[in-house]
Amino acid sequence: MVQQAMQYIDQTPDIETRIELIKTLNNVSAGKIYVEIERARLTKKLAKIKEEQGQIAEAADLMQEVAVETFGAMAKTEKIAFILEQVRLCLDRQDFVRAQILSRKINPRVFDADTKKDKKKPKEGDNMIEEAPADIPTLLELKRIYYELMIRYYTHNNEYLEICRSYKAIYDIPSVKETPEQWIPVLRKICWFLVLAPHDPMQSSLLNATLEDKNLSEIPDFKMLLKQVVTMEVIQWTSLWNKYKDEFEKEKSMVGGSLGDKAGEDLKLRIIEHNILVVSKYYARITLKRLAELLCLSIEEAEKHLSEMVVSKALIAKIDRPSGIVCFQIAKDSNEILNSWAGNLEKLLDLVEKSCHQIHKETMVHKAALRP
């Protein structure tokens, strides 16, 4: 009866009658497990009408009442599409906490499942899973929608590495990789967010994996940018910004929009952090004045950035402020010093023993040669 009545929704004369019919059907199907899928579809229709009327908060509240993840008979794609709609409405109303909670109901591995595999025939007694309606996108289309919503969420918190990983997942979709018009803007975004992400093991492995991508040769400027970041050499901020400023501004008109409000400042910060790491690799001790010169900053700014990196445990350093010297060496405890001293002594004794052996050998050879 509910299914029959649902067919009349589109034939209603006006929007008020349509809303009234949907609400009546919702009341009829409330609490009845055998019409839970119909109830979910009715709620989705009602939420869409509310959204068209500009009542986004009400639409989001309506959608959140339905927990589709517990519906056994609903098709997987329809479930995912419903949860993604819930996430989208939460993001539209700026409710980022609830959007994150809802997004966790979807396991990203679901999108990597092979859809071409033969579906197992249901055994007797199993729940029959309904076919998804024709307007539900395919699993790969849902994958793209999911990651685009996650990019919106991560952009709010400026989580550059997570944004980069989301773009990487979109980049790996076969339909995107087939056409350069689609993958070039996505690959550009991956490069930018890799550079913007703070230095850590995950960022390093993604950076190296992206550098090995053959498609990167199609955008040589970005390949050059990534190589500069990987190479342990000091990068001059002014020359880098002059070279990439136009490309940076161009992102606003491309897929995914601008890189974020703070992206320009964060890019400069990442270059400074990279330069400090380079200096710490080549120097054991350096004066603050020289460090500031290498970073093209004032002494106060250089000290501030260095201190922040030490606090975040990206670096080990000590600053002797009265004498203005930075020491990048790790302070060793007495046991380590004794162990290294004992090791050095052992090496020295080995060398003395080898030298004695060689001298003894030489004298034996000479004595043998001198005998008549």
Protein backbone atom coordinates (compact mmCIF):
# COMPACT_ATOMS: atom_id res chain seq x y z
CA MET A 1 0.00 0.00 0.00
CA VAL A 2 2.83 2.42 0.94
CA GLN A 3 4.68 1.60 -2.31
CA GLN A 4 1.49 2.18 -4.31
CA ALA A 5 0.83 5.52 -2.58
CA MET A 6 4.47 6.62 -3.19
CA GLN A 7 3.81 6.50 -6.94
CA TYR A 8 1.22 9.29 -6.54
CA ILE A 9 3.73 11.74 -4.97
CA ASP A 10 4.90 13.09 -8.35
CA GLN A 11 1.28 13.44 -9.55
CA THR A 12 0.28 15.83 -6.73
CA PRO A 13 -1.16 19.16 -7.95
CA ASP A 14 0.91 21.45 -5.69
CA ILE A 15 3.84 21.43 -3.22
CA GLU A 16 1.61 21.64 -0.10
CA THR A 17 -0.32 18.52 -1.09
CA ARG A 18 2.95 16.72 -1.88
CA ILE A 19 4.39 17.56 1.57
CA GLU A 20 1.14 16.50 3.25
CA LEU A 21 1.11 13.13 1.39
CA ILE A 22 4.78 12.47 2.27
CA LYS A 23 4.15 13.30 5.94
CA THR A 24 1.06 11.01 6.03
CA LEU A 25 3.03 8.13 4.49
CA ASN A 26 5.85 8.80 6.96
CA ASN A 27 3.41 8.53 9.87
CA VAL A 28 1.96 5.28 8.46
CA SER A 29 5.42 3.70 8.00
CA ALA A 30 6.84 4.92 11.34
CA GLY A 31 8.22 2.07 13.45
CA LYS A 32 7.40 -0.63 10.87
CA ILE A 33 10.54 -2.55 9.94
CA TYR A 34 9.13 -3.96 6.66
CA VAL A 35 8.65 -0.47 5.17
CA GLU A 36 11.87 1.10 6.56
CA ILE A 37 13.37 1.56 3.06
CA GLU A 38 10.22 3.33 1.82
CA ARG A 39 10.32 5.55 4.93
CA ALA A 40 13.98 6.46 4.20
CA ARG A 41 13.13 7.36 0.59
CA LEU A 42 10.16 9.46 1.71
CA THR A 43 12.34 11.33 4.22
CA LYS A 44 14.91 12.01 1.48
CA LYS A 45 12.19 13.47 -0.78
CA LEU A 46 10.84 15.65 2.01
CA ALA A 47 14.37 16.88 2.87
CA LYS A 48 14.95 17.79 -0.79
CA ILE A 49 11.76 19.88 -0.83
CA LYS A 50 12.81 21.64 2.41
CA GLU A 51 16.26 22.35 0.94
CA GLU A 52 14.71 23.84 -2.23
CA GLN A 53 12.69 26.13 0.04
CA GLY A 54 15.94 27.26 1.69
CA GLN A 55 15.32 25.43 5.01
CA ILE A 56 18.70 23.63 5.12
CA ALA A 57 18.74 23.16 8.92
CA GLU A 58 15.31 21.46 8.85
CA ALA A 59 16.34 19.27 5.90
CA ALA A 60 19.51 18.18 7.76
CA ASP A 61 17.51 17.37 10.92
CA LEU A 62 15.02 15.30 8.92
CA MET A 63 17.79 13.27 7.25
CA GLN A 64 19.60 12.62 10.53
CA GLU A 65 16.54 10.90 12.00
CA VAL A 66 17.05 7.92 9.67
CA ALA A 67 19.89 5.47 10.42
CA VAL A 68 20.16 3.67 7.06
CA GLU A 69 23.32 1.77 8.08
CA THR A 70 21.07 -0.60 10.08
CA PHE A 71 18.84 -1.45 7.09
CA GLY A 72 19.74 -4.95 5.92
CA ALA A 73 17.58 -5.02 2.80
CA MET A 74 18.76 -1.68 1.33
CA ALA A 75 21.25 -1.78 -1.55
CA LYS A 76 24.82 -0.78 -0.63
CA THR A 77 24.98 2.10 -3.14
CA GLU A 78 21.67 3.53 -1.91
CA LYS A 79 22.89 3.39 1.71
CA ILE A 80 26.12 5.21 0.83
CA ALA A 81 24.24 7.81 -1.26
CA PHE A 82 21.86 8.45 1.68
CA ILE A 83 24.70 8.90 4.22
CA LEU A 84 26.57 11.20 1.77
CA GLU A 85 23.41 13.31 1.48
CA GLN A 86 23.33 13.55 5.30
CA VAL A 87 27.01 14.65 5.32
CA ARG A 88 26.41 17.24 2.57
CA LEU A 89 23.49 18.84 4.42
CA CYS A 90 25.55 19.00 7.64
CA LEU A 91 28.39 20.73 5.77
CA ASP A 92 25.89 23.15 4.18
CA ARG A 93 24.67 24.17 7.64
CA GLN A 94 28.30 24.45 8.91
CA ASP A 95 27.83 21.55 11.37
CA PHE A 96 31.31 20.08 10.88
CA VAL A 97 31.34 17.88 14.01
CA ARG A 98 28.20 15.99 12.99
CA ALA A 99 29.44 15.79 9.37
CA GLN A 100 32.58 14.01 10.58
CA ILE A 101 30.58 11.59 12.77
CA LEU A 102 28.31 10.71 9.83
CA SER A 103 31.21 10.34 7.37
CA ARG A 104 32.77 7.72 9.65
CA LYS A 105 29.81 5.45 8.95
CA ILE A 106 31.31 4.89 5.49
CA ASN A 107 34.42 2.75 5.27
CA PRO A 108 36.54 4.03 2.31
CA ARG A 109 37.44 0.40 1.46
CA VAL A 110 33.85 -0.09 0.29
CA PHE A 111 34.67 1.95 -2.84
CA ASP A 112 37.56 -0.36 -3.77
CA ALA A 113 35.34 -3.48 -3.80
CA ASP A 114 35.24 -5.14 -7.19
CA THR A 115 31.76 -4.56 -8.59
CA LYS A 116 32.37 -6.89 -11.55
CA LYS A 117 32.51 -10.00 -9.36
CA ASP A 118 29.55 -12.30 -9.72
CA LYS A 119 27.01 -11.69 -7.05
CA LYS A 120 26.40 -14.72 -4.88
CA LYS A 121 22.92 -16.14 -5.11
CA PRO A 122 21.10 -15.59 -1.83
CA LYS A 123 20.53 -18.73 0.20
CA GLU A 124 17.15 -19.63 1.51
CA GLY A 125 16.42 -17.68 4.67
CA ASP A 126 18.75 -14.80 3.72
CA ASN A 127 17.42 -11.25 3.56
CA MET A 128 16.63 -10.21 0.00
CA ILE A 129 18.52 -7.02 -0.87
CA GLU A 130 16.50 -4.64 -2.98
CA GLU A 131 17.87 -3.18 -6.19
CA ALA A 132 18.91 0.47 -5.92
CA PRO A 133 16.68 3.00 -7.74
CA ALA A 134 17.86 4.18 -11.17
CA ASP A 135 18.77 7.70 -9.92
CA ILE A 136 21.40 6.36 -7.43
CA PRO A 137 24.98 6.93 -8.72
CA THR A 138 27.42 4.04 -9.28
CA LEU A 139 30.00 3.08 -6.65
CA LEU A 140 32.83 4.99 -8.43
CA GLU A 141 30.67 8.12 -8.77
CA LEU A 142 29.85 7.82 -5.06
CA LYS A 143 33.59 7.52 -4.33
CA ARG A 144 34.20 10.87 -6.00
CA ILE A 145 31.26 12.51 -4.17
CA TYR A 146 32.53 11.10 -0.84
CA TYR A 147 36.05 12.46 -1.27
CA GLU A 148 34.80 15.85 -2.53
CA LEU A 149 32.72 16.15 0.67
CA MET A 150 35.72 15.09 2.78
CA ILE A 151 37.82 17.80 1.04
CA ARG A 152 35.17 20.35 2.10
CA TYR A 153 35.38 19.09 5.68
CA TYR A 154 39.21 19.02 5.84
CA THR A 155 39.46 22.48 4.19
CA HIS A 156 37.53 23.91 7.16
CA ASN A 157 40.36 22.77 9.50
CA ASN A 158 43.19 23.34 6.97
CA GLU A 159 44.23 19.66 7.21
CA TYR A 160 46.41 19.77 4.11
CA LEU A 161 47.69 16.19 4.21
CA GLU A 162 44.18 14.74 4.49
CA ILE A 163 43.00 17.01 1.63
CA CYS A 164 45.94 15.73 -0.42
CA ARG A 165 45.04 12.09 0.33
CA SER A 166 41.43 12.76 -0.71
CA TYR A 167 42.58 14.26 -4.04
CA LYS A 168 44.90 11.25 -4.49
CA ALA A 169 41.89 8.92 -4.09
CA ILE A 170 39.97 10.94 -6.74
CA TYR A 171 43.06 10.86 -8.99
CA ASP A 172 43.12 7.04 -8.78
CA ILE A 173 39.55 6.68 -10.11
CA PRO A 174 39.89 5.08 -13.61
CA SER A 175 37.49 7.55 -15.31
CA VAL A 176 39.57 10.50 -14.02
CA LYS A 177 42.90 8.99 -15.10
CA GLU A 178 41.66 8.45 -18.65
CA THR A 179 41.25 12.14 -19.57
CA PRO A 180 44.03 14.74 -19.08
CA GLU A 181 41.41 17.51 -18.69
CA GLN A 182 40.29 15.78 -15.49
CA TRP A 183 43.54 14.50 -13.97
CA ILE A 184 45.80 17.54 -14.57
CA PRO A 185 43.83 19.88 -12.21
CA VAL A 186 43.63 17.08 -9.59
CA LEU A 187 47.38 16.35 -9.84
CA ARG A 188 48.12 20.08 -9.49
CA LYS A 189 46.08 20.13 -6.27
CA ILE A 190 47.95 17.03 -4.98
CA CYS A 191 51.29 18.81 -5.56
CA TRP A 192 50.17 22.02 -3.85
CA PHE A 193 48.75 20.27 -0.78
CA LEU A 194 51.84 18.05 -0.48
CA VAL A 195 54.00 21.16 -0.25
CA LEU A 196 51.55 22.81 2.17
CA ALA A 197 51.37 19.75 4.47
CA PRO A 198 53.69 19.73 7.53
CA HIS A 199 56.75 17.48 7.25
CA ASP A 200 56.13 13.97 8.61
CA PRO A 201 56.69 10.33 7.45
CA MET A 202 53.30 10.07 5.68
CA GLN A 203 53.92 13.34 3.80
CA SER A 204 57.42 12.16 2.77
CA SER A 205 56.20 8.82 1.41
CA LEU A 206 53.34 10.50 -0.52
CA LEU A 207 55.78 13.09 -1.87
CA ASN A 208 58.17 10.43 -3.17
CA ALA A 209 55.32 8.35 -4.61
CA THR A 210 53.96 11.40 -6.47
CA LEU A 211 57.42 12.24 -7.85
CA GLU A 212 57.58 8.75 -9.42
CA ASP A 213 54.27 9.34 -11.24
CA LYS A 214 54.89 9.50 -15.01
CA ASN A 215 52.01 11.93 -15.50
CA LEU A 216 53.92 14.55 -13.49
CA SER A 217 56.14 15.21 -16.54
CA GLU A 218 53.05 16.78 -18.20
CA ILE A 219 53.24 19.62 -15.61
CA PRO A 220 57.04 20.24 -15.36
CA ASP A 221 56.72 23.31 -13.09
CA PHE A 222 55.11 21.20 -10.38
CA LYS A 223 57.65 18.42 -10.81
CA MET A 224 60.33 21.06 -10.25
CA LEU A 225 58.50 22.33 -7.13
CA LEU A 226 58.34 18.84 -5.57
CA LYS A 227 62.00 18.19 -6.42
CA GLN A 228 62.99 21.42 -4.66
CA VAL A 229 61.13 20.33 -1.54
CA VAL A 230 62.71 16.84 -1.58
CA THR A 231 66.25 18.12 -2.22
CA MET A 232 68.10 18.99 1.00
CA GLU A 233 69.06 22.49 -0.11
CA VAL A 234 67.99 25.93 1.13
CA ILE A 235 65.09 27.36 -0.94
CA GLN A 236 64.96 31.12 -1.53
CA TRP A 237 61.37 32.11 -0.69
CA THR A 238 61.23 35.27 -2.84
CA SER A 239 62.40 33.54 -6.05
CA LEU A 240 60.08 30.57 -5.43
CA TRP A 241 57.05 32.83 -4.82
CA ASN A 242 57.78 34.95 -7.91
CA LYS A 243 57.93 31.80 -10.02
CA TYR A 244 54.78 30.12 -8.66
CA LYS A 245 52.60 33.11 -7.71
CA ASP A 246 50.62 33.02 -10.99
CA GLU A 247 50.08 29.24 -10.73
CA PHE A 248 48.95 29.73 -7.12
CA GLU A 249 46.37 32.34 -8.15
CA LYS A 250 45.25 30.22 -11.13
CA GLU A 251 44.00 27.48 -8.76
CA LYS A 252 40.97 29.63 -7.84
CA SER A 253 39.47 29.09 -11.30
CA MET A 254 40.24 25.33 -11.38
CA VAL A 255 38.60 22.19 -9.93
CA GLY A 256 38.23 22.44 -6.16
CA GLY A 257 38.64 26.23 -6.06
CA SER A 258 41.29 28.15 -4.13
CA LEU A 259 43.77 26.44 -1.82
CA GLY A 260 42.37 28.12 1.30
CA ASP A 261 42.56 31.51 3.02
CA LYS A 262 45.79 30.76 4.87
CA ALA A 263 47.50 28.82 2.06
CA GLY A 264 49.90 31.66 1.11
CA GLU A 265 51.12 32.12 4.70
CA ASP A 266 51.35 28.35 5.25
CA LEU A 267 53.39 27.90 2.08
CA LYS A 268 55.95 30.42 3.36
CA LEU A 269 55.96 28.67 6.75
CA ARG A 270 56.63 25.25 5.11
CA ILE A 271 59.56 26.69 3.12
CA ILE A 272 61.04 28.16 6.34
CA GLU A 273 60.60 24.78 8.10
CA HIS A 274 62.26 23.00 5.17
CA ASN A 275 65.20 25.43 5.30
CA ILE A 276 65.64 24.96 9.08
CA LEU A 277 65.72 21.16 8.58
CA VAL A 278 68.35 21.59 5.84
CA VAL A 279 70.50 23.80 8.11
CA SER A 280 70.18 21.30 11.00
CA LYS A 281 71.43 18.54 8.69
CA TYR A 282 74.59 20.38 7.61
CA TYR A 283 75.45 22.26 10.82
CA ALA A 284 76.14 21.00 14.33
CA ARG A 285 76.38 24.57 15.69
CA ILE A 286 75.44 27.85 14.02
CA THR A 287 75.03 31.47 15.17
CA LEU A 288 71.48 32.87 15.22
CA LYS A 289 72.64 35.73 13.00
CA ARG A 290 73.86 33.36 10.28
CA LEU A 291 70.72 31.20 10.60
CA ALA A 292 68.54 34.29 10.12
CA GLU A 293 70.61 35.24 7.01
CA LEU A 294 70.14 31.76 5.50
CA LEU A 295 66.38 31.89 6.16
CA CYS A 296 66.05 35.50 4.90
CA LEU A 297 64.35 36.45 8.20
CA SER A 298 65.05 38.69 11.18
CA ILE A 299 66.80 37.10 14.21
CA GLU A 300 63.54 37.23 16.25
CA GLU A 301 61.51 35.50 13.50
CA ALA A 302 64.20 32.84 12.97
CA GLU A 303 64.24 32.11 16.71
CA LYS A 304 60.43 31.95 16.82
CA HIS A 305 60.18 29.43 13.96
CA LEU A 306 63.04 27.35 15.35
CA SER A 307 61.38 27.25 18.79
CA GLU A 308 58.05 26.17 17.27
CA MET A 309 59.74 23.30 15.44
CA VAL A 310 61.49 22.15 18.61
CA VAL A 311 58.18 22.26 20.54
CA SER A 312 56.43 20.21 17.82
CA LYS A 313 59.34 17.68 18.03
CA ALA A 314 60.17 18.08 14.33
CA LEU A 315 63.74 18.97 15.35
CA ILE A 316 66.17 18.73 18.27
CA ALA A 317 68.01 21.98 19.04
CA LYS A 318 69.16 24.19 21.91
CA ILE A 319 69.63 27.95 21.77
CA ASP A 320 72.33 29.66 23.83
CA ARG A 321 70.75 33.11 23.80
CA PRO A 322 73.52 35.13 25.54
CA SER A 323 76.15 33.95 23.03
CA GLY A 324 73.56 33.67 20.20
CA ILE A 325 74.48 30.10 19.19
CA VAL A 326 72.11 27.30 18.12
CA CYS A 327 73.28 23.76 18.78
CA PHE A 328 71.62 20.98 16.76
CA GLN A 329 73.47 18.11 18.48
CA ILE A 330 71.63 15.77 20.81
CA ALA A 331 72.88 15.94 24.39
CA LYS A 332 74.33 12.52 25.28
CA ASP A 333 74.06 11.01 28.75
CA SER A 334 77.09 9.58 30.62
CA ASN A 335 76.34 5.97 29.56
CA GLU A 336 76.32 6.87 25.85
CA ILE A 337 79.60 8.80 26.19
CA LEU A 338 81.24 5.88 28.00
CA ASN A 339 79.94 3.40 25.39
CA SER A 340 81.23 5.48 22.48
CA TRP A 341 84.59 5.94 24.26
CA ALA A 342 84.86 2.18 24.87
CA GLY A 343 83.96 1.53 21.22
CA ASN A 344 86.59 3.98 19.98
CA LEU A 345 89.20 2.39 22.27
CA GLU A 346 88.35 -1.05 20.88
CA LYS A 347 88.81 0.25 17.30
CA LEU A 348 92.17 1.80 18.25
CA LEU A 349 93.43 -1.48 19.81
CA ASP A 350 92.32 -3.38 16.68
CA LEU A 351 94.33 -0.99 14.50
CA VAL A 352 97.42 -1.34 16.74
CA GLU A 353 97.11 -5.14 16.60
CA LYS A 354 96.78 -5.11 12.79
CA SER A 355 99.77 -2.75 12.46
CA CYS A 356 101.92 -5.03 14.69
CA HIS A 357 100.91 -8.02 12.61
CA GLN A 358 101.84 -6.24 9.35
CA ILE A 359 105.25 -5.13 10.78
CA HIS A 360 105.95 -8.68 12.01
CA LYS A 361 105.03 -10.05 8.56
CA GLU A 362 107.32 -7.56 6.77
CA THR A 363 110.30 -8.35 9.01
CA MET A 364 109.80 -12.10 8.47
CA VAL A 365 109.78 -11.60 4.67
CA HIS A 366 112.95 -9.43 4.79
CA LYS A 367 114.79 -11.91 7.05
CA ALA A 368 113.96 -14.74 4.64
CA ALA A 369 115.29 -12.68 1.70
CA LEU A 370 118.60 -11.81 3.53
CA ARG A 371 119.52 -15.47 4.21
CA PRO A 372 122.16 -16.87 1.74
